[in-house]
């Protein structure tokens, strides 16, 4: 009887330790990548006076288009993979004038406006 209790206790300890041991393993998480890849060569081709169609040919369709202001386009890129093209531009804002020509663009680095690169 005592041997059976010791054996049962040993099996119980092994089961509990094996269950807690599963927390050391993390499942594989696939990287999520969304948006438009904007490289520096595409930014170098931007210039004031380009039409919306020319911008669409250079950068592709905008990720965000303001329904209340169609002359405001945004291109965004997001990925959870830290090694995937770390030098690309992650957020670009384009502003067109009343005749739909490119007036200005801003590369948004972070939410602090002083850190952003504005077209000069």
N, C-alpha and C. Protein backbone atom coordinates (compact mmCIF):
# COMPACT_ATOMS: atom_id res chain seq x y z
N UNK A 1 0.82 -1.19 0.00
CA UNK A 1 0.00 0.00 0.00
C UNK A 1 0.87 1.26 0.00
N UNK A 2 1.88 1.27 0.85
CA UNK A 2 2.77 2.43 0.92
C UNK A 2 3.53 2.60 -0.39
N UNK A 3 3.89 1.47 -1.00
CA UNK A 3 4.58 1.53 -2.29
C UNK A 3 3.67 2.12 -3.37
N UNK A 4 2.40 1.77 -3.34
CA UNK A 4 1.44 2.30 -4.31
C UNK A 4 1.25 3.80 -4.12
N UNK A 5 1.21 4.26 -2.89
CA UNK A 5 1.07 5.70 -2.62
C UNK A 5 2.31 6.46 -3.08
N UNK A 6 3.49 5.88 -2.83
CA UNK A 6 4.72 6.53 -3.27
C UNK A 6 4.79 6.58 -4.80
N UNK A 7 4.37 5.52 -5.43
CA UNK A 7 4.35 5.49 -6.89
C UNK A 7 3.35 6.49 -7.46
N UNK A 8 2.20 6.56 -6.85
CA UNK A 8 1.18 7.53 -7.28
C UNK A 8 1.67 8.95 -7.08
N UNK A 9 2.33 9.21 -5.94
CA UNK A 9 2.88 10.54 -5.67
C UNK A 9 3.97 10.89 -6.68
N UNK A 10 4.81 9.93 -7.03
CA UNK A 10 5.87 10.15 -8.02
C UNK A 10 5.27 10.47 -9.39
N UNK A 11 4.26 9.73 -9.80
CA UNK A 11 3.59 9.99 -11.08
C UNK A 11 2.94 11.37 -11.06
N UNK A 12 2.34 11.74 -9.95
CA UNK A 12 1.70 13.05 -9.83
C UNK A 12 2.74 14.17 -9.92
N UNK A 13 3.86 14.01 -9.26
CA UNK A 13 4.93 15.02 -9.32
C UNK A 13 5.48 15.14 -10.74
N UNK A 14 5.68 14.02 -11.41
CA UNK A 14 6.19 14.04 -12.79
C UNK A 14 5.19 14.73 -13.71
N UNK A 15 3.91 14.47 -13.53
CA UNK A 15 2.88 15.10 -14.39
C UNK A 15 2.83 16.60 -14.15
N UNK A 16 2.88 17.03 -12.91
CA UNK A 16 2.83 18.46 -12.61
C UNK A 16 4.07 19.17 -13.14
N UNK A 17 5.22 18.57 -12.97
CA UNK A 17 6.44 19.21 -13.47
C UNK A 17 6.48 19.25 -14.99
N UNK A 18 5.93 18.24 -15.64
CA UNK A 18 5.92 18.25 -17.10
C UNK A 18 4.94 19.28 -17.64
N UNK A 19 3.83 19.49 -16.95
CA UNK A 19 2.87 20.51 -17.39
C UNK A 19 3.47 21.90 -17.22
N UNK A 20 4.13 22.15 -16.10
CA UNK A 20 4.74 23.46 -15.90
C UNK A 20 5.93 23.65 -16.84
N UNK A 21 6.54 22.57 -17.27
CA UNK A 21 7.66 22.66 -18.20
C UNK A 21 7.24 23.10 -19.58
N UNK A 22 5.98 22.94 -19.91
CA UNK A 22 5.49 23.35 -21.23
C UNK A 22 5.48 24.85 -21.39
N UNK A 23 5.51 25.60 -20.30
CA UNK A 23 5.47 27.05 -20.41
C UNK A 23 6.80 27.61 -20.88
N UNK A 24 7.85 26.82 -20.88
CA UNK A 24 9.13 27.30 -21.35
C UNK A 24 9.18 27.37 -22.88
N UNK A 25 8.33 26.64 -23.55
CA UNK A 25 8.30 26.63 -25.00
C UNK A 25 7.28 27.66 -25.48
N UNK A 26 7.68 28.48 -26.43
CA UNK A 26 6.74 29.44 -27.01
C UNK A 26 6.40 28.99 -28.42
N UNK A 27 5.17 29.14 -28.82
CA UNK A 27 4.80 28.72 -30.18
C UNK A 27 5.37 29.69 -31.21
N UNK A 28 5.53 29.20 -32.41
CA UNK A 28 6.01 30.04 -33.50
C UNK A 28 4.94 31.04 -33.89
N UNK A 29 5.33 32.28 -34.00
CA UNK A 29 4.40 33.33 -34.41
C UNK A 29 4.85 33.83 -35.78
N UNK A 30 3.98 33.72 -36.75
CA UNK A 30 4.34 34.18 -38.09
C UNK A 30 4.41 35.70 -38.10
N UNK A 31 5.39 36.26 -38.79
CA UNK A 31 5.49 37.71 -38.85
C UNK A 31 4.35 38.30 -39.68
N UNK A 32 3.88 39.44 -39.23
CA UNK A 32 2.80 40.15 -39.92
C UNK A 32 3.41 41.33 -40.66
N UNK A 33 3.13 41.43 -41.94
CA UNK A 33 3.63 42.53 -42.75
C UNK A 33 2.47 43.11 -43.53
N UNK A 34 2.27 44.42 -43.39
CA UNK A 34 1.16 45.09 -44.07
C UNK A 34 1.62 46.43 -44.61
N UNK A 35 1.01 46.87 -45.68
CA UNK A 35 1.26 48.20 -46.20
C UNK A 35 2.12 48.19 -47.44
N UNK A 36 2.63 49.37 -47.76
CA UNK A 36 3.42 49.60 -48.95
C UNK A 36 4.87 49.83 -48.56
N UNK A 37 5.78 49.11 -49.20
CA UNK A 37 7.21 49.33 -48.94
C UNK A 37 7.64 50.57 -49.72
N UNK A 38 8.12 51.56 -48.98
CA UNK A 38 8.56 52.81 -49.59
C UNK A 38 10.06 52.94 -49.31
N UNK A 39 10.84 52.90 -50.36
CA UNK A 39 12.28 53.02 -50.18
C UNK A 39 12.72 54.45 -50.53
N UNK A 40 13.98 54.74 -50.30
CA UNK A 40 14.50 56.09 -50.53
C UNK A 40 14.52 56.46 -52.00
N UNK A 41 14.64 55.47 -52.89
CA UNK A 41 14.63 55.78 -54.33
C UNK A 41 13.26 56.33 -54.75
N UNK A 42 12.20 55.78 -54.19
CA UNK A 42 10.86 56.28 -54.51
C UNK A 42 10.67 57.70 -53.97
N UNK A 43 11.20 57.96 -52.78
CA UNK A 43 11.10 59.30 -52.20
C UNK A 43 11.89 60.30 -53.03
N UNK A 44 13.04 59.88 -53.56
CA UNK A 44 13.85 60.78 -54.38
C UNK A 44 13.15 61.19 -55.66
N UNK A 45 12.22 60.38 -56.16
CA UNK A 45 11.51 60.74 -57.39
C UNK A 45 10.34 61.70 -57.12
N UNK A 46 9.95 61.84 -55.86
CA UNK A 46 8.85 62.77 -55.56
C UNK A 46 9.31 64.21 -55.75
N UNK A 47 8.44 64.99 -56.34
CA UNK A 47 8.70 66.41 -56.48
C UNK A 47 7.37 67.14 -56.56
N UNK A 48 7.39 68.38 -56.16
CA UNK A 48 6.17 69.18 -56.21
C UNK A 48 5.67 69.27 -57.65
N UNK A 49 4.36 69.20 -57.82
CA UNK A 49 3.77 69.33 -59.14
C UNK A 49 3.39 68.01 -59.79
N UNK A 50 3.76 66.88 -59.19
CA UNK A 50 3.34 65.59 -59.75
C UNK A 50 1.84 65.40 -59.54
N UNK A 51 1.19 64.75 -60.48
CA UNK A 51 -0.25 64.51 -60.36
C UNK A 51 -0.51 63.30 -59.47
N UNK A 52 -1.77 63.14 -59.09
CA UNK A 52 -2.14 61.99 -58.26
C UNK A 52 -1.86 60.68 -58.99
N UNK A 53 -2.11 60.66 -60.28
CA UNK A 53 -1.87 59.44 -61.05
C UNK A 53 -0.38 59.11 -61.12
N UNK A 54 0.46 60.12 -61.27
CA UNK A 54 1.91 59.89 -61.29
C UNK A 54 2.39 59.35 -59.93
N UNK A 55 1.84 59.88 -58.86
CA UNK A 55 2.19 59.39 -57.53
C UNK A 55 1.74 57.94 -57.37
N UNK A 56 0.55 57.64 -57.88
CA UNK A 56 0.04 56.27 -57.80
C UNK A 56 0.94 55.31 -58.58
N UNK A 57 1.51 55.76 -59.70
CA UNK A 57 2.42 54.92 -60.48
C UNK A 57 3.76 54.72 -59.76
N UNK A 58 4.21 55.73 -59.03
CA UNK A 58 5.49 55.64 -58.32
C UNK A 58 5.36 54.80 -57.05
N UNK A 59 4.34 55.10 -56.23
CA UNK A 59 4.22 54.50 -54.90
C UNK A 59 3.13 53.43 -54.79
N UNK A 60 2.24 53.37 -55.76
CA UNK A 60 1.11 52.45 -55.66
C UNK A 60 -0.08 53.16 -55.02
N UNK A 61 -1.16 52.43 -54.80
CA UNK A 61 -2.34 53.06 -54.21
C UNK A 61 -2.08 53.44 -52.75
N UNK A 62 -2.68 54.53 -52.28
CA UNK A 62 -2.45 54.94 -50.90
C UNK A 62 -3.09 53.98 -49.92
N UNK A 63 -2.45 53.85 -48.76
CA UNK A 63 -2.98 52.99 -47.70
C UNK A 63 -4.17 53.66 -47.03
N UNK A 64 -4.07 54.94 -46.84
CA UNK A 64 -5.16 55.67 -46.20
C UNK A 64 -5.50 56.91 -47.00
N UNK A 65 -6.75 57.04 -47.32
CA UNK A 65 -7.22 58.21 -48.05
C UNK A 65 -8.35 58.81 -47.23
N UNK A 66 -8.18 60.05 -46.85
CA UNK A 66 -9.15 60.71 -46.00
C UNK A 66 -10.44 60.95 -46.78
N UNK A 67 -11.58 60.40 -46.34
CA UNK A 67 -12.83 60.60 -47.09
C UNK A 67 -13.32 62.05 -47.04
N UNK A 68 -12.89 62.81 -46.05
CA UNK A 68 -13.31 64.20 -45.94
C UNK A 68 -12.35 65.14 -46.65
N UNK A 69 -11.16 64.68 -46.95
CA UNK A 69 -10.18 65.47 -47.68
C UNK A 69 -9.44 64.55 -48.64
N UNK A 70 -9.94 64.37 -49.86
CA UNK A 70 -9.32 63.43 -50.81
C UNK A 70 -7.93 63.87 -51.29
N UNK A 71 -7.51 65.07 -50.92
CA UNK A 71 -6.18 65.54 -51.30
C UNK A 71 -5.13 65.22 -50.24
N UNK A 72 -5.48 64.37 -49.31
CA UNK A 72 -4.58 63.94 -48.23
C UNK A 72 -4.42 62.42 -48.33
N UNK A 73 -3.24 61.98 -48.74
CA UNK A 73 -2.97 60.55 -48.86
C UNK A 73 -1.94 60.14 -47.83
N UNK A 74 -2.04 58.89 -47.36
CA UNK A 74 -1.05 58.36 -46.44
C UNK A 74 -0.63 56.97 -46.89
N UNK A 75 0.66 56.73 -46.80
CA UNK A 75 1.24 55.42 -47.08
C UNK A 75 1.87 54.93 -45.78
N UNK A 76 1.52 53.71 -45.39
CA UNK A 76 2.06 53.16 -44.15
C UNK A 76 2.60 51.76 -44.40
N UNK A 77 3.55 51.39 -43.57
CA UNK A 77 4.12 50.05 -43.62
C UNK A 77 4.31 49.58 -42.19
N UNK A 78 3.91 48.33 -41.93
CA UNK A 78 4.04 47.75 -40.60
C UNK A 78 4.48 46.30 -40.72
N UNK A 79 5.41 45.92 -39.88
CA UNK A 79 5.82 44.52 -39.81
C UNK A 79 6.22 44.17 -38.38
N UNK A 80 5.99 42.93 -38.00
CA UNK A 80 6.44 42.46 -36.69
C UNK A 80 7.82 41.83 -36.79
N UNK A 81 8.32 41.67 -38.00
CA UNK A 81 9.65 41.10 -38.23
C UNK A 81 10.67 42.23 -38.14
N UNK A 82 11.47 42.23 -37.10
CA UNK A 82 12.44 43.31 -36.85
C UNK A 82 13.58 43.31 -37.86
N UNK A 83 13.85 42.20 -38.51
CA UNK A 83 14.96 42.11 -39.45
C UNK A 83 14.56 42.42 -40.89
N UNK A 84 13.27 42.62 -41.15
CA UNK A 84 12.78 42.84 -42.51
C UNK A 84 12.93 44.31 -42.88
N UNK A 85 13.90 44.61 -43.69
CA UNK A 85 14.16 45.95 -44.20
C UNK A 85 14.01 47.03 -43.13
N UNK A 86 14.96 47.11 -42.21
CA UNK A 86 14.83 48.07 -41.12
C UNK A 86 14.97 49.53 -41.55
N UNK A 87 15.49 49.80 -42.76
CA UNK A 87 15.73 51.17 -43.18
C UNK A 87 14.63 51.76 -44.06
N UNK A 88 13.51 51.07 -44.20
CA UNK A 88 12.46 51.60 -45.07
C UNK A 88 11.62 52.62 -44.32
N UNK A 89 10.91 53.42 -45.07
CA UNK A 89 10.06 54.45 -44.50
C UNK A 89 8.74 53.81 -44.09
N UNK A 90 8.34 54.04 -42.88
CA UNK A 90 7.16 53.37 -42.34
C UNK A 90 5.88 54.20 -42.45
N UNK A 91 5.99 55.51 -42.61
CA UNK A 91 4.79 56.35 -42.69
C UNK A 91 5.11 57.59 -43.52
N UNK A 92 4.34 57.79 -44.57
CA UNK A 92 4.52 58.92 -45.48
C UNK A 92 3.18 59.60 -45.68
N UNK A 93 3.16 60.91 -45.53
CA UNK A 93 1.93 61.67 -45.72
C UNK A 93 2.12 62.59 -46.92
N UNK A 94 1.19 62.53 -47.88
CA UNK A 94 1.23 63.37 -49.08
C UNK A 94 0.05 64.34 -49.06
N UNK A 95 0.31 65.57 -49.46
CA UNK A 95 -0.74 66.59 -49.50
C UNK A 95 -0.75 67.19 -50.90
N UNK A 96 -1.94 67.22 -51.50
CA UNK A 96 -2.12 67.75 -52.85
C UNK A 96 -2.83 69.09 -52.78
N UNK A 97 -2.63 69.92 -53.80
CA UNK A 97 -3.33 71.21 -53.85
C UNK A 97 -4.72 71.04 -54.46
N UNK A 98 -5.40 72.15 -54.69
CA UNK A 98 -6.78 72.11 -55.20
C UNK A 98 -6.88 71.53 -56.61
N UNK A 99 -5.78 71.60 -57.36
CA UNK A 99 -5.77 71.06 -58.73
C UNK A 99 -5.21 69.64 -58.79
N UNK A 100 -5.07 68.99 -57.64
CA UNK A 100 -4.59 67.61 -57.49
C UNK A 100 -3.13 67.42 -57.90
N UNK A 101 -2.33 68.44 -57.68
CA UNK A 101 -0.88 68.34 -57.86
C UNK A 101 -0.23 68.23 -56.48
N UNK A 102 0.85 67.47 -56.41
CA UNK A 102 1.54 67.28 -55.14
C UNK A 102 2.08 68.62 -54.64
N UNK A 103 1.67 68.96 -53.43
CA UNK A 103 2.09 70.22 -52.83
C UNK A 103 3.17 70.01 -51.77
N UNK A 104 3.03 68.95 -50.98
CA UNK A 104 3.96 68.74 -49.87
C UNK A 104 3.91 67.28 -49.44
N UNK A 105 4.98 66.80 -48.82
CA UNK A 105 4.97 65.46 -48.22
C UNK A 105 5.82 65.48 -46.96
N UNK A 106 5.45 64.59 -46.06
CA UNK A 106 6.12 64.49 -44.77
C UNK A 106 6.40 63.02 -44.48
N UNK A 107 7.63 62.72 -44.10
CA UNK A 107 7.99 61.38 -43.64
C UNK A 107 7.83 61.39 -42.13
N UNK A 108 6.90 60.62 -41.62
CA UNK A 108 6.61 60.61 -40.19
C UNK A 108 7.45 59.52 -39.55
N UNK A 109 8.38 59.93 -38.70
CA UNK A 109 9.26 58.98 -38.02
C UNK A 109 8.59 58.48 -36.75
N UNK A 110 8.04 59.37 -35.97
CA UNK A 110 7.26 59.00 -34.80
C UNK A 110 6.23 60.09 -34.55
N UNK A 111 5.51 60.00 -33.48
CA UNK A 111 4.41 60.92 -33.23
C UNK A 111 4.88 62.31 -32.80
N UNK A 112 6.15 62.48 -32.49
CA UNK A 112 6.67 63.78 -32.11
C UNK A 112 6.92 64.60 -33.38
N UNK A 113 6.19 65.68 -33.62
CA UNK A 113 6.31 66.42 -34.89
C UNK A 113 7.69 66.99 -35.15
N UNK A 114 8.49 67.24 -34.13
CA UNK A 114 9.81 67.82 -34.36
C UNK A 114 10.78 66.81 -34.95
N UNK A 115 10.49 65.52 -34.83
CA UNK A 115 11.37 64.48 -35.37
C UNK A 115 11.08 64.13 -36.81
N UNK A 116 9.99 64.62 -37.37
CA UNK A 116 9.56 64.23 -38.71
C UNK A 116 10.35 64.98 -39.77
N UNK A 117 10.55 64.34 -40.94
CA UNK A 117 11.28 64.93 -42.05
C UNK A 117 10.30 65.53 -43.02
N UNK A 118 10.34 66.84 -43.15
CA UNK A 118 9.41 67.54 -44.02
C UNK A 118 10.10 67.87 -45.33
N UNK A 119 9.32 67.86 -46.40
CA UNK A 119 9.83 68.23 -47.72
C UNK A 119 10.26 69.68 -47.69
N UNK A 120 11.47 69.96 -48.17
CA UNK A 120 11.93 71.36 -48.21
C UNK A 120 12.30 71.76 -49.61
